Amino acid sequence: MHIKFSPSLDKEIRKIKQKDSKLSKKIEKQLSLFASSPTHPSLRLHKVATDESKAAWSISITMSTRMLYVILDKETAYFFYIG
């Protein structure tokens, strides 16, 4: 799976890299896992929007941090939020 970031998420991830190296490493680990196995159980994947045309999904970075994304096509996920 290819991963793309919204401009605002890209900026937020850069801030996290500067301020919290532990969280930054966890983000990289989970995104790497997502890229190789998008439905891996440790991602705790779940749908957060019900409209099928605009379905948003969530993966867990930590127990209290999630990243939201939408599927652009069969091979691309567009991440747009972390929190």
Protein backbone atom coordinates (compact mmCIF):
# COMPACT_ATOMS: atom_id res chain seq x y z
CA MET A 1 0.00 0.00 0.00
CA HIS A 2 1.33 3.44 -0.91
CA ILE A 3 0.98 6.16 1.71
CA LYS A 4 0.38 9.86 1.08
CA PHE A 5 -0.03 12.66 3.64
CA SER A 6 -2.11 15.81 3.59
CA PRO A 7 0.02 18.98 3.82
CA SER A 8 -1.23 19.69 7.36
CA LEU A 9 -0.45 16.14 8.53
CA ASP A 10 2.99 16.28 6.97
CA LYS A 11 3.66 19.48 8.92
CA GLU A 12 2.37 17.91 12.15
CA ILE A 13 4.58 14.83 11.71
CA ARG A 14 7.63 17.06 11.21
CA LYS A 15 6.78 18.82 14.50
CA ILE A 16 6.45 15.47 16.27
CA LYS A 17 9.86 14.38 14.95
CA GLN A 18 11.44 17.45 16.55
CA LYS A 19 9.61 17.21 19.88
CA ASP A 20 8.96 13.51 20.57
CA SER A 21 11.38 10.99 19.08
CA LYS A 22 9.66 8.04 20.78
CA LEU A 23 6.30 8.88 19.20
CA SER A 24 8.00 9.59 15.89
CA LYS A 25 9.56 6.12 15.86
CA LYS A 26 6.21 4.55 16.72
CA ILE A 27 4.56 6.43 13.84
CA GLU A 28 7.22 5.17 11.43
CA LYS A 29 6.84 1.62 12.73
CA GLN A 30 3.05 1.59 12.41
CA LEU A 31 3.09 3.19 8.96
CA SER A 32 5.64 0.64 7.78
CA LEU A 33 3.41 -2.13 9.09
CA PHE A 34 0.40 -0.53 7.41
CA ALA A 35 2.27 -0.32 4.08
CA SER A 36 3.09 -4.03 4.17
CA SER A 37 -0.09 -5.33 5.83
CA PRO A 38 -2.93 -2.78 6.03
CA THR A 39 -5.20 -5.06 8.05
CA HIS A 40 -2.64 -6.25 10.61
CA PRO A 41 -4.34 -6.70 14.03
CA SER A 42 -1.86 -4.49 15.91
CA LEU A 43 -3.02 -1.49 13.85
CA ARG A 44 -6.49 -1.82 15.44
CA LEU A 45 -8.03 -0.72 12.17
CA HIS A 46 -11.59 0.55 12.25
CA LYS A 47 -13.98 2.63 10.19
CA VAL A 48 -14.79 6.07 11.60
CA ALA A 49 -17.17 7.36 8.91
CA THR A 50 -20.19 5.51 7.60
CA ASP A 51 -20.68 7.14 4.18
CA GLU A 52 -19.25 4.52 1.79
CA SER A 53 -18.31 7.15 -0.80
CA LYS A 54 -16.21 8.98 1.80
CA ALA A 55 -15.29 6.23 4.25
CA ALA A 56 -12.55 7.25 6.67
CA TRP A 57 -10.50 4.73 8.61
CA SER A 58 -8.35 4.87 11.72
CA ILE A 59 -5.17 3.06 12.73
CA SER A 60 -3.66 3.11 16.19
CA ILE A 61 -0.20 4.55 16.70
CA THR A 62 -0.35 4.27 20.50
CA MET A 63 -3.25 3.51 22.81
CA SER A 64 -4.13 7.22 22.81
CA THR A 65 -2.94 8.32 19.34
CA ARG A 66 -4.70 7.53 16.07
CA MET A 67 -4.14 8.42 12.43
CA LEU A 68 -7.07 8.85 10.07
CA TYR A 69 -7.02 8.08 6.37
CA VAL A 70 -9.15 7.51 3.30
CA ILE A 71 -8.52 5.07 0.49
CA LEU A 72 -7.79 6.87 -2.77
CA ASP A 73 -7.51 3.71 -4.88
CA LYS A 74 -6.59 0.04 -4.39
CA GLU A 75 -2.95 0.90 -3.75
CA THR A 76 -3.02 4.33 -2.05
CA ALA A 77 -4.04 5.53 1.40
CA TYR A 78 -4.26 9.28 2.11
CA PHE A 79 -3.57 10.11 5.76
CA PHE A 80 -4.98 13.43 6.90
CA TYR A 81 -5.06 13.56 10.72
CA ILE A 82 -3.16 12.46 13.82
CA GLY A 83 -4.40 12.90 17.34
